[in-house]
N, C-alpha and C. Protein backbone atom coordinates (compact mmCIF):
# COMPACT_ATOMS: atom_id res chain seq x y z
N UNK A 1 45.99 50.60 112.70
CA UNK A 1 45.07 51.05 111.68
C UNK A 1 44.58 49.83 110.90
N UNK A 2 43.28 49.75 110.70
CA UNK A 2 42.70 48.65 109.94
C UNK A 2 42.76 48.98 108.46
N UNK A 3 43.13 47.98 107.67
CA UNK A 3 43.16 48.11 106.22
C UNK A 3 42.45 46.91 105.61
N UNK A 4 42.15 47.04 104.32
CA UNK A 4 41.52 45.95 103.59
C UNK A 4 42.30 45.72 102.31
N UNK A 5 42.63 44.46 102.06
CA UNK A 5 43.22 44.05 100.80
C UNK A 5 42.10 43.41 100.00
N UNK A 6 42.00 43.74 98.74
CA UNK A 6 41.05 43.06 97.88
C UNK A 6 41.86 42.09 97.03
N UNK A 7 41.59 40.79 97.24
CA UNK A 7 42.32 39.70 96.62
C UNK A 7 41.33 38.90 95.78
N UNK A 8 41.53 38.88 94.48
CA UNK A 8 40.62 38.16 93.58
C UNK A 8 39.17 38.55 93.80
N UNK A 9 38.95 39.84 94.04
CA UNK A 9 37.60 40.36 94.22
C UNK A 9 37.02 40.22 95.61
N UNK A 10 37.73 39.57 96.51
CA UNK A 10 37.24 39.35 97.87
C UNK A 10 38.04 40.16 98.88
N UNK A 11 37.36 40.70 99.90
CA UNK A 11 38.08 41.49 100.92
C UNK A 11 38.85 40.59 101.89
N UNK A 12 40.02 41.07 102.26
CA UNK A 12 40.85 40.41 103.27
C UNK A 12 41.24 41.47 104.28
N UNK A 13 40.85 41.27 105.52
CA UNK A 13 41.13 42.24 106.59
C UNK A 13 42.58 42.11 107.06
N UNK A 14 43.15 43.27 107.39
CA UNK A 14 44.51 43.32 107.94
C UNK A 14 44.61 44.55 108.83
N UNK A 15 45.68 44.60 109.59
CA UNK A 15 45.93 45.76 110.45
C UNK A 15 47.39 46.15 110.32
N UNK A 16 47.62 47.45 110.27
CA UNK A 16 48.99 47.97 110.25
C UNK A 16 49.46 48.20 111.67
N UNK A 17 50.76 48.02 111.88
CA UNK A 17 51.38 48.30 113.17
C UNK A 17 51.40 49.81 113.42
N UNK A 18 51.65 50.17 114.65
CA UNK A 18 51.79 51.58 115.02
C UNK A 18 53.26 51.94 114.95
N UNK A 19 53.73 52.22 113.73
CA UNK A 19 55.13 52.58 113.52
C UNK A 19 55.21 53.69 112.47
N UNK A 20 56.34 54.35 112.43
CA UNK A 20 56.55 55.41 111.45
C UNK A 20 56.43 54.85 110.03
N UNK A 21 57.04 53.69 109.80
CA UNK A 21 57.03 53.11 108.46
C UNK A 21 55.62 52.70 108.04
N UNK A 22 54.88 52.07 108.94
CA UNK A 22 53.50 51.67 108.63
C UNK A 22 52.63 52.90 108.39
N UNK A 23 52.82 53.96 109.17
CA UNK A 23 52.07 55.19 108.97
C UNK A 23 52.38 55.83 107.63
N UNK A 24 53.64 55.79 107.24
CA UNK A 24 54.04 56.34 105.95
C UNK A 24 53.40 55.53 104.82
N UNK A 25 53.38 54.19 104.98
CA UNK A 25 52.72 53.35 103.99
C UNK A 25 51.23 53.71 103.90
N UNK A 26 50.57 53.88 105.04
CA UNK A 26 49.14 54.21 105.06
C UNK A 26 48.86 55.50 104.30
N UNK A 27 49.82 56.43 104.32
CA UNK A 27 49.61 57.71 103.62
C UNK A 27 49.55 57.53 102.10
N UNK A 28 50.00 56.40 101.59
CA UNK A 28 49.96 56.12 100.16
C UNK A 28 48.61 55.52 99.71
N UNK A 29 47.83 55.04 100.67
CA UNK A 29 46.60 54.31 100.33
C UNK A 29 45.50 55.25 99.89
N UNK A 30 44.65 54.82 98.97
CA UNK A 30 44.54 53.47 98.41
C UNK A 30 45.54 53.24 97.28
N UNK A 31 45.91 51.97 97.10
CA UNK A 31 46.81 51.56 96.04
C UNK A 31 46.28 50.30 95.37
N UNK A 32 46.42 50.21 94.08
CA UNK A 32 46.19 48.97 93.35
C UNK A 32 47.53 48.60 92.73
N UNK A 33 47.99 47.38 93.03
CA UNK A 33 49.36 47.00 92.70
C UNK A 33 49.40 45.64 91.99
N UNK A 34 50.27 45.53 90.99
CA UNK A 34 50.52 44.26 90.32
C UNK A 34 51.72 43.59 90.98
N UNK A 35 51.52 42.39 91.48
CA UNK A 35 52.51 41.69 92.29
C UNK A 35 53.30 40.67 91.48
N UNK A 36 54.54 40.43 91.92
CA UNK A 36 55.37 39.37 91.35
C UNK A 36 55.74 38.41 92.47
N UNK A 37 55.80 37.13 92.12
CA UNK A 37 56.21 36.14 93.12
C UNK A 37 57.73 36.20 93.30
N UNK A 38 58.16 35.98 94.53
CA UNK A 38 59.59 36.00 94.84
C UNK A 38 59.89 34.81 95.74
N UNK A 39 60.71 33.89 95.26
CA UNK A 39 61.18 32.72 96.02
C UNK A 39 60.05 31.83 96.54
N UNK A 40 58.91 31.84 95.89
CA UNK A 40 57.77 31.00 96.28
C UNK A 40 57.46 31.13 97.78
N UNK A 41 57.60 32.36 98.27
CA UNK A 41 57.31 32.63 99.68
C UNK A 41 56.65 33.98 99.89
N UNK A 42 56.76 34.85 98.89
CA UNK A 42 56.28 36.21 99.08
C UNK A 42 55.91 36.84 97.74
N UNK A 43 55.06 37.85 97.81
CA UNK A 43 54.70 38.66 96.65
C UNK A 43 55.32 40.02 96.86
N UNK A 44 55.92 40.57 95.80
CA UNK A 44 56.63 41.85 95.93
C UNK A 44 56.15 42.83 94.87
N UNK A 45 56.30 44.11 95.18
CA UNK A 45 55.98 45.16 94.22
C UNK A 45 56.69 46.44 94.66
N UNK A 46 57.17 47.19 93.68
CA UNK A 46 57.77 48.49 93.97
C UNK A 46 56.66 49.45 94.40
N UNK A 47 56.94 50.24 95.42
CA UNK A 47 56.01 51.28 95.85
C UNK A 47 56.28 52.56 95.08
N UNK A 48 55.31 53.48 95.04
CA UNK A 48 55.50 54.73 94.30
C UNK A 48 56.65 55.59 94.82
N UNK A 49 57.00 55.40 96.10
CA UNK A 49 58.13 56.13 96.67
C UNK A 49 58.65 55.33 97.85
N UNK A 50 59.85 55.66 98.29
CA UNK A 50 60.43 54.99 99.46
C UNK A 50 59.73 55.46 100.73
N UNK A 51 59.66 54.58 101.71
CA UNK A 51 59.03 54.89 102.99
C UNK A 51 60.08 55.26 104.03
N UNK A 52 59.68 56.04 105.00
CA UNK A 52 60.56 56.36 106.12
C UNK A 52 60.76 55.12 106.98
N UNK A 53 61.99 54.86 107.38
CA UNK A 53 62.28 53.75 108.28
C UNK A 53 62.81 54.27 109.61
N UNK A 54 62.52 55.50 109.93
CA UNK A 54 62.96 56.11 111.18
C UNK A 54 62.48 55.28 112.37
N UNK A 55 63.42 54.87 113.20
CA UNK A 55 63.11 54.11 114.40
C UNK A 55 62.82 52.64 114.16
N UNK A 56 62.93 52.19 112.92
CA UNK A 56 62.64 50.78 112.60
C UNK A 56 63.80 49.89 113.02
N UNK A 57 63.49 48.63 113.37
CA UNK A 57 64.58 47.70 113.67
C UNK A 57 65.43 47.45 112.42
N UNK A 58 66.62 46.91 112.62
CA UNK A 58 67.56 46.67 111.53
C UNK A 58 67.03 45.64 110.53
N UNK A 59 66.20 44.71 111.00
CA UNK A 59 65.67 43.66 110.14
C UNK A 59 64.59 42.89 110.86
N UNK A 60 64.10 41.83 110.21
CA UNK A 60 63.02 41.03 110.79
C UNK A 60 63.01 39.64 110.16
N UNK A 61 62.29 38.72 110.81
CA UNK A 61 62.04 37.37 110.30
C UNK A 61 60.53 37.25 110.09
N UNK A 62 60.05 37.63 108.91
CA UNK A 62 58.60 37.66 108.67
C UNK A 62 57.94 36.29 108.73
N UNK A 63 56.71 36.31 109.18
CA UNK A 63 55.88 35.10 109.25
C UNK A 63 54.82 35.19 108.16
N UNK A 64 54.28 34.06 107.78
CA UNK A 64 53.20 34.02 106.80
C UNK A 64 52.07 34.91 107.29
N UNK A 65 51.57 35.75 106.39
CA UNK A 65 50.50 36.69 106.74
C UNK A 65 50.99 38.07 107.08
N UNK A 66 52.31 38.25 107.21
CA UNK A 66 52.86 39.58 107.48
C UNK A 66 52.87 40.42 106.21
N UNK A 67 52.72 41.71 106.39
CA UNK A 67 52.94 42.70 105.35
C UNK A 67 54.23 43.39 105.73
N UNK A 68 55.13 43.52 104.78
CA UNK A 68 56.42 44.10 105.11
C UNK A 68 56.89 45.10 104.06
N UNK A 69 57.95 45.77 104.42
CA UNK A 69 58.61 46.71 103.52
C UNK A 69 60.07 46.31 103.46
N UNK A 70 60.57 46.06 102.24
CA UNK A 70 61.98 45.76 102.07
C UNK A 70 62.67 47.06 101.66
N UNK A 71 63.26 47.71 102.64
CA UNK A 71 63.80 49.05 102.47
C UNK A 71 64.89 49.16 101.38
N UNK A 72 65.82 48.19 101.28
CA UNK A 72 66.86 48.36 100.25
C UNK A 72 66.32 48.48 98.82
N UNK A 73 65.18 47.85 98.55
CA UNK A 73 64.61 47.90 97.20
C UNK A 73 63.37 48.77 97.13
N UNK A 74 62.88 49.29 98.25
CA UNK A 74 61.68 50.13 98.25
C UNK A 74 60.42 49.37 97.88
N UNK A 75 60.33 48.12 98.35
CA UNK A 75 59.22 47.26 97.94
C UNK A 75 58.29 46.88 99.08
N UNK A 76 56.99 46.80 98.74
CA UNK A 76 56.01 46.18 99.62
C UNK A 76 56.13 44.68 99.43
N UNK A 77 56.03 43.95 100.54
CA UNK A 77 56.13 42.49 100.49
C UNK A 77 54.96 41.89 101.25
N UNK A 78 54.26 40.96 100.59
CA UNK A 78 53.17 40.21 101.22
C UNK A 78 53.66 38.78 101.38
N UNK A 79 53.84 38.33 102.61
CA UNK A 79 54.43 37.02 102.89
C UNK A 79 53.34 35.96 103.01
N UNK A 80 53.47 34.90 102.21
CA UNK A 80 52.55 33.78 102.34
C UNK A 80 53.24 32.53 102.91
N UNK A 81 54.52 32.65 103.17
CA UNK A 81 55.28 31.63 103.89
C UNK A 81 56.25 32.35 104.84
N UNK A 82 56.65 31.67 105.91
CA UNK A 82 57.66 32.21 106.80
C UNK A 82 58.98 32.32 106.04
N UNK A 83 59.74 33.37 106.31
CA UNK A 83 61.07 33.51 105.72
C UNK A 83 62.07 33.82 106.83
N UNK A 84 63.34 33.49 106.61
CA UNK A 84 64.34 33.76 107.64
C UNK A 84 64.61 35.25 107.82
N UNK A 85 65.23 35.56 108.92
CA UNK A 85 65.63 36.94 109.23
C UNK A 85 66.46 37.51 108.08
N UNK A 86 66.20 38.77 107.78
CA UNK A 86 67.04 39.50 106.81
C UNK A 86 67.09 40.96 107.23
N UNK A 87 68.27 41.55 107.09
CA UNK A 87 68.40 42.99 107.30
C UNK A 87 67.56 43.72 106.26
N UNK A 88 67.00 44.87 106.65
CA UNK A 88 66.27 45.71 105.73
C UNK A 88 64.78 45.47 105.68
N UNK A 89 64.29 44.41 106.32
CA UNK A 89 62.85 44.14 106.35
C UNK A 89 62.22 44.86 107.53
N UNK A 90 61.14 45.57 107.26
CA UNK A 90 60.37 46.24 108.30
C UNK A 90 58.95 45.67 108.21
N UNK A 91 58.47 45.09 109.30
CA UNK A 91 57.11 44.56 109.33
C UNK A 91 56.14 45.73 109.44
N UNK A 92 55.17 45.77 108.52
CA UNK A 92 54.17 46.84 108.51
C UNK A 92 52.89 46.44 109.23
N UNK A 93 52.55 45.16 109.21
CA UNK A 93 51.31 44.70 109.81
C UNK A 93 51.09 43.23 109.51
N UNK A 94 49.84 42.78 109.68
CA UNK A 94 49.53 41.36 109.53
C UNK A 94 48.08 41.19 109.12
N UNK A 95 47.82 40.13 108.37
CA UNK A 95 46.44 39.78 108.04
C UNK A 95 45.68 39.47 109.31
N UNK A 96 44.41 39.83 109.36
CA UNK A 96 43.60 39.62 110.56
C UNK A 96 43.31 38.14 110.79
N UNK A 97 43.20 37.38 109.72
CA UNK A 97 42.86 35.96 109.82
C UNK A 97 43.92 35.16 109.06
N UNK A 98 44.67 34.34 109.78
CA UNK A 98 45.74 33.56 109.15
C UNK A 98 45.23 32.61 108.08
N UNK A 99 43.95 32.29 108.09
CA UNK A 99 43.39 31.41 107.05
C UNK A 99 43.42 32.09 105.68
N UNK A 100 43.57 33.41 105.64
CA UNK A 100 43.65 34.13 104.36
C UNK A 100 45.04 34.11 103.75
N UNK A 101 46.02 33.64 104.49
CA UNK A 101 47.41 33.69 104.03
C UNK A 101 47.61 32.93 102.72
N UNK A 102 47.01 31.76 102.59
CA UNK A 102 47.20 30.96 101.37
C UNK A 102 46.71 31.69 100.13
N UNK A 103 45.75 32.57 100.27
CA UNK A 103 45.23 33.31 99.12
C UNK A 103 46.29 34.22 98.52
N UNK A 104 47.26 34.63 99.32
CA UNK A 104 48.33 35.51 98.81
C UNK A 104 49.24 34.78 97.82
N UNK A 105 49.31 33.46 97.92
CA UNK A 105 50.21 32.69 97.06
C UNK A 105 49.83 32.77 95.58
N UNK A 106 48.57 33.00 95.27
CA UNK A 106 48.13 32.97 93.88
C UNK A 106 47.72 34.34 93.34
N UNK A 107 47.69 35.35 94.16
CA UNK A 107 47.22 36.66 93.72
C UNK A 107 48.28 37.35 92.85
N UNK A 108 47.80 38.04 91.82
CA UNK A 108 48.72 38.80 90.98
C UNK A 108 48.43 40.31 91.03
N UNK A 109 47.26 40.67 91.54
CA UNK A 109 46.90 42.08 91.69
C UNK A 109 46.15 42.24 93.00
N UNK A 110 46.47 43.32 93.72
CA UNK A 110 45.82 43.59 95.00
C UNK A 110 45.49 45.07 95.09
N UNK A 111 44.36 45.35 95.70
CA UNK A 111 44.03 46.72 96.06
C UNK A 111 44.08 46.81 97.58
N UNK A 112 44.74 47.83 98.09
CA UNK A 112 44.88 48.02 99.54
C UNK A 112 44.33 49.38 99.87
N UNK A 113 43.44 49.42 100.86
CA UNK A 113 42.82 50.68 101.27
C UNK A 113 42.58 50.69 102.77
N UNK A 114 42.44 51.87 103.33
CA UNK A 114 42.14 51.99 104.75
C UNK A 114 40.66 51.69 104.96
N UNK A 115 40.34 51.23 106.15
CA UNK A 115 38.95 50.95 106.54
C UNK A 115 38.52 52.06 107.47
N UNK A 116 37.45 52.70 107.14
CA UNK A 116 36.95 53.82 107.96
C UNK A 116 35.73 53.41 108.74
């Protein structure tokens, strides 16, 4: 599923994976979220509710540009740097253009919506 993030007023294309967790996240869209920086590698925010992780792997090693869900805390995570493997991370999708990854490092608010 194609989605669009609005970062500092500009659109950033992304795509969600075909998974139960990504589909559950898509059901929440559109969302406008205030982000916090975490470990100078990712932006995090609590989601309005927990997502289903049925059939999801135990964990992942996210790459810059990945959109993820940290199940233990119920948070959406936008990765602007690679991070090591951790249990509880479910990859939801990825930015369409890796050149947009650096823009995530400075964003404090994002709007995420489906593209029709």
